[in-house]
Amino acid sequence: MKNITFYSRFETDILAGCKTITLREASDAQFVAGDRIRVSRYEDDVFFCNIEVIAVTPVQFAELNQYHAVQENMMLDELKQVISEIYPGLNELFMIEFRLI
């Protein structure tokens, strides 16, 4: 099973089904639809759930919109700020859509 990590601040939203996508750089988006992934916290690598990938789609930072924000359980300005902090200056992202299993 493949692995992915999320910052601990996103754990509750993922477990509640409120966060259903993640935006990643190319090197962290090597998944395909149907992949089942072990999820742990970035800070301490503690496992907290498994997810299944629905789709992986390229998206430009400038194309981020309200749809992406809702799926991330954030406001659009907040989403853009978080992405800018995690991936400063990166324009090409990949949206990984997932469901909790």
PDB file of N, CA and C in Angstrom:
ATOM      1  N   MET A   1       0.853  -1.180   0.000  1.00  0.00           N
ATOM      2  CA  MET A   1       0.000   0.000   0.000  1.00  0.00           C
ATOM      3  C   MET A   1       0.897   1.240   0.000  1.00  0.00           C
ATOM      4  N   LYS A   2       0.546   2.223  -0.837  1.00  0.00           N
ATOM      5  CA  LYS A   2       1.285   3.479  -0.888  1.00  0.00           C
ATOM      6  C   LYS A   2       0.975   4.308   0.349  1.00  0.00           C
ATOM      7  N   ASN A   3       1.808   5.314   0.584  1.00  0.00           N
ATOM      8  CA  ASN A   3       1.650   6.180   1.753  1.00  0.00           C
ATOM      9  C   ASN A   3       1.554   7.639   1.335  1.00  0.00           C
ATOM     10  N   ILE A   4       0.879   8.433   2.171  1.00  0.00           N
ATOM     11  CA  ILE A   4       0.829   9.875   2.013  1.00  0.00           C
ATOM     12  C   ILE A   4       0.732  10.472   3.405  1.00  0.00           C
ATOM     13  N   THR A   5       1.257  11.677   3.563  1.00  0.00           N
ATOM     14  CA  THR A   5       1.136  12.361   4.849  1.00  0.00           C
ATOM     15  C   THR A   5       0.364  13.663   4.667  1.00  0.00           C
ATOM     16  N   PHE A   6      -0.295  14.064   5.734  1.00  0.00           N
ATOM     17  CA  PHE A   6      -0.998  15.338   5.806  1.00  0.00           C
ATOM     18  C   PHE A   6      -0.569  16.024   7.097  1.00  0.00           C
ATOM     19  N   TYR A   7      -0.518  17.345   7.067  1.00  0.00           N
ATOM     20  CA  TYR A   7      -0.287  18.079   8.307  1.00  0.00           C
ATOM     21  C   TYR A   7      -1.393  17.719   9.288  1.00  0.00           C
ATOM     22  N   SER A   8      -1.050  17.647  10.549  1.00  0.00           N
ATOM     23  CA  SER A   8      -2.007  17.209  11.578  1.00  0.00           C
ATOM     24  C   SER A   8      -3.247  18.092  11.625  1.00  0.00           C
ATOM     25  N   ARG A   9      -3.137  19.346  11.226  1.00  0.00           N
ATOM     26  CA  ARG A   9      -4.305  20.241  11.267  1.00  0.00           C
ATOM     27  C   ARG A   9      -5.415  19.778  10.323  1.00  0.00           C
ATOM     28  N   PHE A  10      -5.108  18.886   9.367  1.00  0.00           N
ATOM     29  CA  PHE A  10      -6.115  18.405   8.427  1.00  0.00           C
ATOM     30  C   PHE A  10      -6.741  17.066   8.835  1.00  0.00           C
ATOM     31  N   GLU A  11      -6.224  16.431   9.847  1.00  0.00           N
ATOM     32  CA  GLU A  11      -6.695  15.095  10.239  1.00  0.00           C
ATOM     33  C   GLU A  11      -8.197  15.072  10.534  1.00  0.00           C
ATOM     34  N   THR A  12      -8.681  15.989  11.346  1.00  0.00           N
ATOM     35  CA  THR A  12     -10.096  16.000  11.718  1.00  0.00           C
ATOM     36  C   THR A  12     -10.990  16.169  10.497  1.00  0.00           C
ATOM     37  N   ASP A  13     -10.613  17.073   9.581  1.00  0.00           N
ATOM     38  CA  ASP A  13     -11.411  17.300   8.371  1.00  0.00           C
ATOM     39  C   ASP A  13     -11.437  16.067   7.467  1.00  0.00           C
ATOM     40  N   ILE A  14     -10.324  15.376   7.368  1.00  0.00           N
ATOM     41  CA  ILE A  14     -10.275  14.162   6.544  1.00  0.00           C
ATOM     42  C   ILE A  14     -11.161  13.083   7.160  1.00  0.00           C
ATOM     43  N   LEU A  15     -11.036  12.878   8.448  1.00  0.00           N
ATOM     44  CA  LEU A  15     -11.824  11.838   9.117  1.00  0.00           C
ATOM     45  C   LEU A  15     -13.322  12.148   9.103  1.00  0.00           C
ATOM     46  N   ALA A  16     -13.671  13.436   9.066  1.00  0.00           N
ATOM     47  CA  ALA A  16     -15.080  13.839   9.025  1.00  0.00           C
ATOM     48  C   ALA A  16     -15.637  13.853   7.608  1.00  0.00           C
ATOM     49  N   GLY A  17     -14.776  13.628   6.613  1.00  0.00           N
ATOM     50  CA  GLY A  17     -15.224  13.656   5.226  1.00  0.00           C
ATOM     51  C   GLY A  17     -15.405  15.057   4.672  1.00  0.00           C
ATOM     52  N   CYS A  18     -14.889  16.061   5.371  1.00  0.00           N
ATOM     53  CA  CYS A  18     -15.003  17.457   4.934  1.00  0.00           C
ATOM     54  C   CYS A  18     -13.911  17.838   3.943  1.00  0.00           C
ATOM     55  N   LYS A  19     -12.782  17.178   4.018  1.00  0.00           N
ATOM     56  CA  LYS A  19     -11.658  17.422   3.104  1.00  0.00           C
ATOM     57  C   LYS A  19     -11.570  16.227   2.176  1.00  0.00           C
ATOM     58  N   THR A  20     -11.842  16.457   0.886  1.00  0.00           N
ATOM     59  CA  THR A  20     -11.907  15.345  -0.068  1.00  0.00           C
ATOM     60  C   THR A  20     -10.919  15.483  -1.222  1.00  0.00           C
ATOM     61  N   ILE A  21     -10.066  16.508  -1.164  1.00  0.00           N
ATOM     62  CA  ILE A  21      -8.983  16.642  -2.137  1.00  0.00           C
ATOM     63  C   ILE A  21      -7.722  17.085  -1.412  1.00  0.00           C
ATOM     64  N   THR A  22      -6.608  16.909  -2.069  1.00  0.00           N
ATOM     65  CA  THR A  22      -5.362  17.511  -1.627  1.00  0.00           C
ATOM     66  C   THR A  22      -4.645  18.019  -2.862  1.00  0.00           C
ATOM     67  N   LEU A  23      -4.005  19.143  -2.718  1.00  0.00           N
ATOM     68  CA  LEU A  23      -3.245  19.735  -3.818  1.00  0.00           C
ATOM     69  C   LEU A  23      -1.772  19.488  -3.549  1.00  0.00           C
ATOM     70  N   ARG A  24      -1.090  18.883  -4.502  1.00  0.00           N
ATOM     71  CA  ARG A  24       0.306  18.476  -4.308  1.00  0.00           C
ATOM     72  C   ARG A  24       1.155  18.864  -5.504  1.00  0.00           C
ATOM     73  N   GLU A  25       2.472  18.901  -5.264  1.00  0.00           N
ATOM     74  CA  GLU A  25       3.404  19.078  -6.369  1.00  0.00           C
ATOM     75  C   GLU A  25       3.560  17.733  -7.073  1.00  0.00           C
ATOM     76  N   ALA A  26       4.137  17.757  -8.267  1.00  0.00           N
ATOM     77  CA  ALA A  26       4.226  16.552  -9.100  1.00  0.00           C
ATOM     78  C   ALA A  26       4.898  15.381  -8.390  1.00  0.00           C
ATOM     79  N   SER A  27       5.962  15.632  -7.653  1.00  0.00           N
ATOM     80  CA  SER A  27       6.685  14.531  -7.005  1.00  0.00           C
ATOM     81  C   SER A  27       5.885  13.867  -5.890  1.00  0.00           C
ATOM     82  N   ASP A  28       4.831  14.539  -5.419  1.00  0.00           N
ATOM     83  CA  ASP A  28       4.004  13.994  -4.337  1.00  0.00           C
ATOM     84  C   ASP A  28       2.615  13.610  -4.844  1.00  0.00           C
ATOM     85  N   ALA A  29       2.495  13.434  -6.170  1.00  0.00           N
ATOM     86  CA  ALA A  29       1.186  13.131  -6.757  1.00  0.00           C
ATOM     87  C   ALA A  29       1.255  11.901  -7.651  1.00  0.00           C
ATOM     88  N   GLN A  30       2.093  10.963  -7.307  1.00  0.00           N
ATOM     89  CA  GLN A  30       2.281   9.764  -8.137  1.00  0.00           C
ATOM     90  C   GLN A  30       1.249   8.690  -7.799  1.00  0.00           C
ATOM     91  N   PHE A  31      -0.007   9.061  -7.907  1.00  0.00           N
ATOM     92  CA  PHE A  31      -1.109   8.158  -7.613  1.00  0.00           C
ATOM     93  C   PHE A  31      -2.023   8.083  -8.831  1.00  0.00           C
ATOM     94  N   VAL A  32      -2.822   7.031  -8.900  1.00  0.00           N
ATOM     95  CA  VAL A  32      -3.817   6.881  -9.955  1.00  0.00           C
ATOM     96  C   VAL A  32      -5.140   6.468  -9.323  1.00  0.00           C
ATOM     97  N   ALA A  33      -6.221   6.689 -10.066  1.00  0.00           N
ATOM     98  CA  ALA A  33      -7.548   6.305  -9.579  1.00  0.00           C
ATOM     99  C   ALA A  33      -7.543   4.842  -9.168  1.00  0.00           C
ATOM    100  N   GLY A  34      -8.111   4.576  -8.008  1.00  0.00           N
ATOM    101  CA  GLY A  34      -8.173   3.214  -7.489  1.00  0.00           C
ATOM    102  C   GLY A  34      -7.093   2.893  -6.468  1.00  0.00           C
ATOM    103  N   ASP A  35      -6.023   3.693  -6.433  1.00  0.00           N
ATOM    104  CA  ASP A  35      -4.980   3.453  -5.424  1.00  0.00           C
ATOM    105  C   ASP A  35      -5.568   3.577  -4.028  1.00  0.00           C
ATOM    106  N   ARG A  36      -5.201   2.648  -3.185  1.00  0.00           N
ATOM    107  CA  ARG A  36      -5.556   2.720  -1.767  1.00  0.00           C
ATOM    108  C   ARG A  36      -4.296   3.141  -1.031  1.00  0.00           C
ATOM    109  N   ILE A  37      -4.447   4.163  -0.198  1.00  0.00           N
ATOM    110  CA  ILE A  37      -3.287   4.819   0.385  1.00  0.00           C
ATOM    111  C   ILE A  37      -3.406   4.870   1.903  1.00  0.00           C
ATOM    112  N   ARG A  38      -2.309   4.562   2.545  1.00  0.00           N
ATOM    113  CA  ARG A  38      -2.184   4.667   3.999  1.00  0.00           C
ATOM    114  C   ARG A  38      -1.876   6.123   4.329  1.00  0.00           C
ATOM    115  N   VAL A  39      -2.648   6.716   5.239  1.00  0.00           N
ATOM    116  CA  VAL A  39      -2.503   8.136   5.573  1.00  0.00           C
ATOM    117  C   VAL A  39      -1.977   8.298   6.994  1.00  0.00           C
ATOM    118  N   SER A  40      -0.956   9.135   7.109  1.00  0.00           N
ATOM    119  CA  SER A  40      -0.413   9.442   8.435  1.00  0.00           C
ATOM    120  C   SER A  40      -0.149  10.935   8.553  1.00  0.00           C
ATOM    121  N   ARG A  41       0.113  11.363   9.779  1.00  0.00           N
ATOM    122  CA  ARG A  41       0.404  12.775  10.037  1.00  0.00           C
ATOM    123  C   ARG A  41       1.843  13.080   9.657  1.00  0.00           C
ATOM    124  N   TYR A  42       2.046  14.214   9.030  1.00  0.00           N
ATOM    125  CA  TYR A  42       3.371  14.633   8.579  1.00  0.00           C
ATOM    126  C   TYR A  42       4.333  14.804   9.768  1.00  0.00           C
ATOM    127  N   GLU A  43       3.834  15.390  10.844  1.00  0.00           N
ATOM    128  CA  GLU A  43       4.693  15.752  11.973  1.00  0.00           C
ATOM    129  C   GLU A  43       5.284  14.560  12.711  1.00  0.00           C
ATOM    130  N   ASP A  44       4.494  13.475  12.850  1.00  0.00           N
ATOM    131  CA  ASP A  44       4.978  12.350  13.671  1.00  0.00           C
ATOM    132  C   ASP A  44       4.783  10.986  13.015  1.00  0.00           C
ATOM    133  N   ASP A  45       4.290  10.970  11.775  1.00  0.00           N
ATOM    134  CA  ASP A  45       4.093   9.752  10.992  1.00  0.00           C
ATOM    135  C   ASP A  45       3.138   8.753  11.653  1.00  0.00           C
ATOM    136  N   VAL A  46       2.206   9.252  12.454  1.00  0.00           N
ATOM    137  CA  VAL A  46       1.209   8.393  13.089  1.00  0.00           C
ATOM    138  C   VAL A  46       0.076   8.145  12.095  1.00  0.00           C
ATOM    139  N   PHE A  47      -0.214   6.873  11.847  1.00  0.00           N
ATOM    140  CA  PHE A  47      -1.301   6.470  10.946  1.00  0.00           C
ATOM    141  C   PHE A  47      -2.635   6.921  11.517  1.00  0.00           C
ATOM    142  N   PHE A  48      -3.551   7.421  10.615  1.00  0.00           N
ATOM    143  CA  PHE A  48      -4.895   7.737  11.107  1.00  0.00           C
ATOM    144  C   PHE A  48      -6.028   7.279  10.198  1.00  0.00           C
ATOM    145  N   CYS A  49      -5.767   6.858   8.951  1.00  0.00           N
ATOM    146  CA  CYS A  49      -6.842   6.323   8.115  1.00  0.00           C
ATOM    147  C   CYS A  49      -6.276   5.795   6.805  1.00  0.00           C
ATOM    148  N   ASN A  50      -7.163   5.219   5.999  1.00  0.00           N
ATOM    149  CA  ASN A  50      -6.847   4.838   4.621  1.00  0.00           C
ATOM    150  C   ASN A  50      -7.800   5.590   3.709  1.00  0.00           C
ATOM    151  N   ILE A  51      -7.300   5.964   2.522  1.00  0.00           N
ATOM    152  CA  ILE A  51      -8.133   6.629   1.528  1.00  0.00           C
ATOM    153  C   ILE A  51      -7.992   5.897   0.202  1.00  0.00           C
ATOM    154  N   GLU A  52      -8.964   6.133  -0.676  1.00  0.00           N
ATOM    155  CA  GLU A  52      -8.899   5.622  -2.038  1.00  0.00           C
ATOM    156  C   GLU A  52      -8.892   6.815  -2.989  1.00  0.00           C
ATOM    157  N   VAL A  53      -7.995   6.809  -3.951  1.00  0.00           N
ATOM    158  CA  VAL A  53      -7.901   7.891  -4.931  1.00  0.00           C
ATOM    159  C   VAL A  53      -9.025   7.742  -5.953  1.00  0.00           C
ATOM    160  N   ILE A  54      -9.738   8.828  -6.180  1.00  0.00           N
ATOM    161  CA  ILE A  54     -10.800   8.866  -7.187  1.00  0.00           C
ATOM    162  C   ILE A  54     -10.227   9.357  -8.512  1.00  0.00           C
ATOM    163  N   ALA A  55      -9.396  10.406  -8.456  1.00  0.00           N
ATOM    164  CA  ALA A  55      -8.804  10.979  -9.672  1.00  0.00           C
ATOM    165  C   ALA A  55      -7.614  11.852  -9.308  1.00  0.00           C
ATOM    166  N   VAL A  56      -6.715  12.015 -10.262  1.00  0.00           N
ATOM    167  CA  VAL A  56      -5.589  12.939 -10.134  1.00  0.00           C
ATOM    168  C   VAL A  56      -5.624  13.843 -11.364  1.00  0.00           C
ATOM    169  N   THR A  57      -5.737  15.144 -11.116  1.00  0.00           N
ATOM    170  CA  THR A  57      -5.925  16.104 -12.196  1.00  0.00           C
ATOM    171  C   THR A  57      -4.956  17.276 -12.040  1.00  0.00           C
ATOM    172  N   PRO A  58      -4.255  17.662 -13.112  1.00  0.00           N
ATOM    173  CA  PRO A  58      -3.402  18.846 -13.009  1.00  0.00           C
ATOM    174  C   PRO A  58      -4.242  20.113 -12.882  1.00  0.00           C
ATOM    175  N   VAL A  59      -3.738  21.062 -12.109  1.00  0.00           N
ATOM    176  CA  VAL A  59      -4.416  22.347 -11.938  1.00  0.00           C
ATOM    177  C   VAL A  59      -3.349  23.418 -11.695  1.00  0.00           C
ATOM    178  N   GLN A  60      -3.521  24.554 -12.324  1.00  0.00           N
ATOM    179  CA  GLN A  60      -2.619  25.685 -12.122  1.00  0.00           C
ATOM    180  C   GLN A  60      -3.054  26.468 -10.882  1.00  0.00           C
ATOM    181  N   PHE A  61      -2.083  27.015 -10.162  1.00  0.00           N
ATOM    182  CA  PHE A  61      -2.387  27.804  -8.966  1.00  0.00           C
ATOM    183  C   PHE A  61      -3.411  28.890  -9.289  1.00  0.00           C
ATOM    184  N   ALA A  62      -3.231  29.578 -10.411  1.00  0.00           N
ATOM    185  CA  ALA A  62      -4.138  30.670 -10.799  1.00  0.00           C
ATOM    186  C   ALA A  62      -5.558  30.180 -11.078  1.00  0.00           C
ATOM    187  N   GLU A  63      -5.725  28.882 -11.329  1.00  0.00           N
ATOM    188  CA  GLU A  63      -7.046  28.312 -11.621  1.00  0.00           C
ATOM    189  C   GLU A  63      -7.794  27.859 -10.364  1.00  0.00           C
ATOM    190  N   LEU A  64      -7.149  27.918  -9.212  1.00  0.00           N
ATOM    191  CA  LEU A  64      -7.833  27.506  -7.983  1.00  0.00           C
ATOM    192  C   LEU A  64      -9.066  28.370  -7.792  1.00  0.00           C
ATOM    193  N   ASN A  65     -10.175  27.717  -7.450  1.00  0.00           N
ATOM    194  CA  ASN A  65     -11.439  28.443  -7.325  1.00  0.00           C
ATOM    195  C   ASN A  65     -12.219  27.950  -6.109  1.00  0.00           C
ATOM    196  N   GLN A  66     -13.455  28.420  -6.024  1.00  0.00           N
ATOM    197  CA  GLN A  66     -14.290  28.085  -4.869  1.00  0.00           C
ATOM    198  C   GLN A  66     -14.529  26.578  -4.746  1.00  0.00           C
ATOM    199  N   TYR A  67     -14.629  25.876  -5.862  1.00  0.00           N
ATOM    200  CA  TYR A  67     -14.799  24.420  -5.821  1.00  0.00           C
ATOM    201  C   TYR A  67     -13.643  23.783  -5.038  1.00  0.00           C
ATOM    202  N   HIS A  68     -12.422  24.155  -5.380  1.00  0.00           N
ATOM    203  CA  HIS A  68     -11.255  23.597  -4.697  1.00  0.00           C
ATOM    204  C   HIS A  68     -11.282  23.938  -3.209  1.00  0.00           C
ATOM    205  N   ALA A  69     -11.636  25.182  -2.914  1.00  0.00           N
ATOM    206  CA  ALA A  69     -11.680  25.614  -1.524  1.00  0.00           C
ATOM    207  C   ALA A  69     -12.693  24.800  -0.716  1.00  0.00           C
ATOM    208  N   VAL A  70     -13.875  24.592  -1.273  1.00  0.00           N
ATOM    209  CA  VAL A  70     -14.913  23.815  -0.577  1.00  0.00           C
ATOM    210  C   VAL A  70     -14.428  22.385  -0.329  1.00  0.00           C
ATOM    211  N   GLN A  71     -13.806  21.765  -1.330  1.00  0.00           N
ATOM    212  CA  GLN A  71     -13.324  20.391  -1.185  1.00  0.00           C
ATOM    213  C   GLN A  71     -12.187  20.293  -0.175  1.00  0.00           C
ATOM    214  N   GLU A  72     -11.471  21.399   0.024  1.00  0.00           N
ATOM    215  CA  GLU A  72     -10.395  21.452   1.026  1.00  0.00           C
ATOM    216  C   GLU A  72     -10.919  21.899   2.385  1.00  0.00           C
ATOM    217  N   ASN A  73     -12.215  22.226   2.454  1.00  0.00           N
ATOM    218  CA  ASN A  73     -12.851  22.729   3.670  1.00  0.00           C
ATOM    219  C   ASN A  73     -12.195  24.031   4.144  1.00  0.00           C
ATOM    220  N   MET A  74     -11.981  24.950   3.187  1.00  0.00           N
ATOM    221  CA  MET A  74     -11.368  26.249   3.472  1.00  0.00           C
ATOM    222  C   MET A  74     -12.066  27.326   2.647  1.00  0.00           C
ATOM    223  N   MET A  75     -11.758  28.565   2.978  1.00  0.00           N
ATOM    224  CA  MET A  75     -12.129  29.688   2.133  1.00  0.00           C
ATOM    225  C   MET A  75     -11.059  29.776   1.048  1.00  0.00           C
ATOM    226  N   LEU A  76     -11.384  30.358  -0.110  1.00  0.00           N
ATOM    227  CA  LEU A  76     -10.447  30.411  -1.225  1.00  0.00           C
ATOM    228  C   LEU A  76      -9.159  31.159  -0.872  1.00  0.00           C
ATOM    229  N   ASP A  77      -9.274  32.304  -0.213  1.00  0.00           N
ATOM    230  CA  ASP A  77      -8.070  33.057   0.175  1.00  0.00           C
ATOM    231  C   ASP A  77      -7.185  32.235   1.103  1.00  0.00           C
ATOM    232  N   GLU A  78      -7.813  31.518   2.026  1.00  0.00           N
ATOM    233  CA  GLU A  78      -7.075  30.669   2.968  1.00  0.00           C
ATOM    234  C   GLU A  78      -6.362  29.546   2.220  1.00  0.00           C
ATOM    235  N   LEU A  79      -7.058  28.922   1.261  1.00  0.00           N
ATOM    236  CA  LEU A  79      -6.452  27.846   0.477  1.00  0.00           C
ATOM    237  C   LEU A  79      -5.225  28.344  -0.273  1.00  0.00           C
ATOM    238  N   LYS A  80      -5.360  29.479  -0.930  1.00  0.00           N
ATOM    239  CA  LYS A  80      -4.229  30.020  -1.692  1.00  0.00           C
ATOM    240  C   LYS A  80      -3.057  30.359  -0.781  1.00  0.00           C
ATOM    241  N   GLN A  81      -3.349  30.857   0.406  1.00  0.00           N
ATOM    242  CA  GLN A  81      -2.278  31.181   1.353  1.00  0.00           C
ATOM    243  C   GLN A  81      -1.567  29.910   1.820  1.00  0.00           C
ATOM    244  N   VAL A  82      -2.334  28.880   2.155  1.00  0.00           N
ATOM    245  CA  VAL A  82      -1.746  27.615   2.616  1.00  0.00           C
ATOM    246  C   VAL A  82      -0.882  27.000   1.516  1.00  0.00           C
ATOM    247  N   ILE A  83      -1.392  26.965   0.293  1.00  0.00           N
ATOM    248  CA  ILE A  83      -0.627  26.398  -0.822  1.00  0.00           C
ATOM    249  C   ILE A  83       0.650  27.206  -1.055  1.00  0.00           C
ATOM    250  N   SER A  84       0.561  28.521  -0.957  1.00  0.00           N
ATOM    251  CA  SER A  84       1.744  29.372  -1.137  1.00  0.00           C
ATOM    252  C   SER A  84       2.792  29.135  -0.055  1.00  0.00           C
ATOM    253  N   GLU A  85       2.343  28.831   1.148  1.00  0.00           N
ATOM    254  CA  GLU A  85       3.279  28.550   2.242  1.00  0.00           C
ATOM    255  C   GLU A  85       3.949  27.190   2.052  1.00  0.00           C
ATOM    256  N   ILE A  86       3.185  26.204   1.627  1.00  0.00           N
ATOM    257  CA  ILE A  86       3.721  24.848   1.465  1.00  0.00           C
ATOM    258  C   ILE A  86       4.583  24.748   0.209  1.00  0.00           C
ATOM    259  N   TYR A  87       4.126  25.352  -0.882  1.00  0.00           N
ATOM    260  CA  TYR A  87       4.817  25.288  -2.175  1.00  0.00           C
ATOM    261  C   TYR A  87       5.071  26.699  -2.710  1.00  0.00           C
ATOM    262  N   PRO A  88       5.967  27.461  -2.081  1.00  0.00           N
ATOM    263  CA  PRO A  88       6.182  28.844  -2.528  1.00  0.00           C
ATOM    264  C   PRO A  88       6.615  28.920  -3.997  1.00  0.00           C
ATOM    265  N   GLY A  89       5.908  29.762  -4.759  1.00  0.00           N
ATOM    266  CA  GLY A  89       6.250  29.999  -6.147  1.00  0.00           C
ATOM    267  C   GLY A  89       5.846  28.909  -7.123  1.00  0.00           C
ATOM    268  N   LEU A  90       5.260  27.832  -6.642  1.00  0.00           N
ATOM    269  CA  LEU A  90       4.874  26.725  -7.530  1.00  0.00           C
ATOM    270  C   LEU A  90       3.537  27.035  -8.202  1.00  0.00           C
ATOM    271  N   ASN A  91       3.500  26.917  -9.518  1.00  0.00           N
ATOM    272  CA  ASN A  91       2.267  27.193 -10.261  1.00  0.00           C
ATOM    273  C   ASN A  91       1.545  25.928 -10.681  1.00  0.00           C
ATOM    274  N   GLU A  92       2.282  24.847 -10.979  1.00  0.00           N
ATOM    275  CA  GLU A  92       1.658  23.610 -11.439  1.00  0.00           C
ATOM    276  C   GLU A  92       1.435  22.659 -10.263  1.00  0.00           C
ATOM    277  N   LEU A  93       0.173  22.382  -9.993  1.00  0.00           N
ATOM    278  CA  LEU A  93      -0.213  21.497  -8.893  1.00  0.00           C
ATOM    279  C   LEU A  93      -0.984  20.310  -9.457  1.00  0.00           C
ATOM    280  N   PHE A  94      -1.211  19.339  -8.608  1.00  0.00           N
ATOM    281  CA  PHE A  94      -2.048  18.204  -8.957  1.00  0.00           C
ATOM    282  C   PHE A  94      -3.089  18.035  -7.869  1.00  0.00           C
ATOM    283  N   MET A  95      -4.350  17.962  -8.297  1.00  0.00           N
ATOM    284  CA  MET A  95      -5.456  17.758  -7.373  1.00  0.00           C
ATOM    285  C   MET A  95      -5.705  16.256  -7.262  1.00  0.00           C
ATOM    286  N   ILE A  96      -5.560  15.745  -6.068  1.00  0.00           N
ATOM    287  CA  ILE A  96      -5.830  14.335  -5.799  1.00  0.00           C
ATOM    288  C   ILE A  96      -7.176  14.276  -5.091  1.00  0.00           C
ATOM    289  N   GLU A  97      -8.169  13.750  -5.787  1.00  0.00           N
ATOM    290  CA  GLU A  97      -9.495  13.563  -5.191  1.00  0.00           C
ATOM    291  C   GLU A  97      -9.517  12.200  -4.518  1.00  0.00           C
ATOM    292  N   PHE A  98     -10.080  12.136  -3.321  1.00  0.00           N
ATOM    293  CA  PHE A  98     -10.068  10.883  -2.569  1.00  0.00           C
ATOM    294  C   PHE A  98     -11.327  10.720  -1.732  1.00  0.00           C
ATOM    295  N   ARG A  99     -11.497   9.476  -1.288  1.00  0.00           N
ATOM    296  CA  ARG A  99     -12.581   9.177  -0.350  1.00  0.00           C
ATOM    297  C   ARG A  99     -12.012   8.330   0.775  1.00  0.00           C
ATOM    298  N   LEU A 100     -12.569   8.490   1.926  1.00  0.00           N
ATOM    299  CA  LEU A 100     -12.185   7.716   3.100  1.00  0.00           C
ATOM    300  C   LEU A 100     -12.664   6.285   2.949  1.00  0.00           C
ATOM    301  N   ILE A 101     -11.804   5.314   3.278  1.00  0.00           N
ATOM    302  CA  ILE A 101     -12.242   3.910   3.245  1.00  0.00           C
ATOM    303  C   ILE A 101     -12.000   3.252   4.589  1.00  0.00           C
TER     304      ILE A 101
END
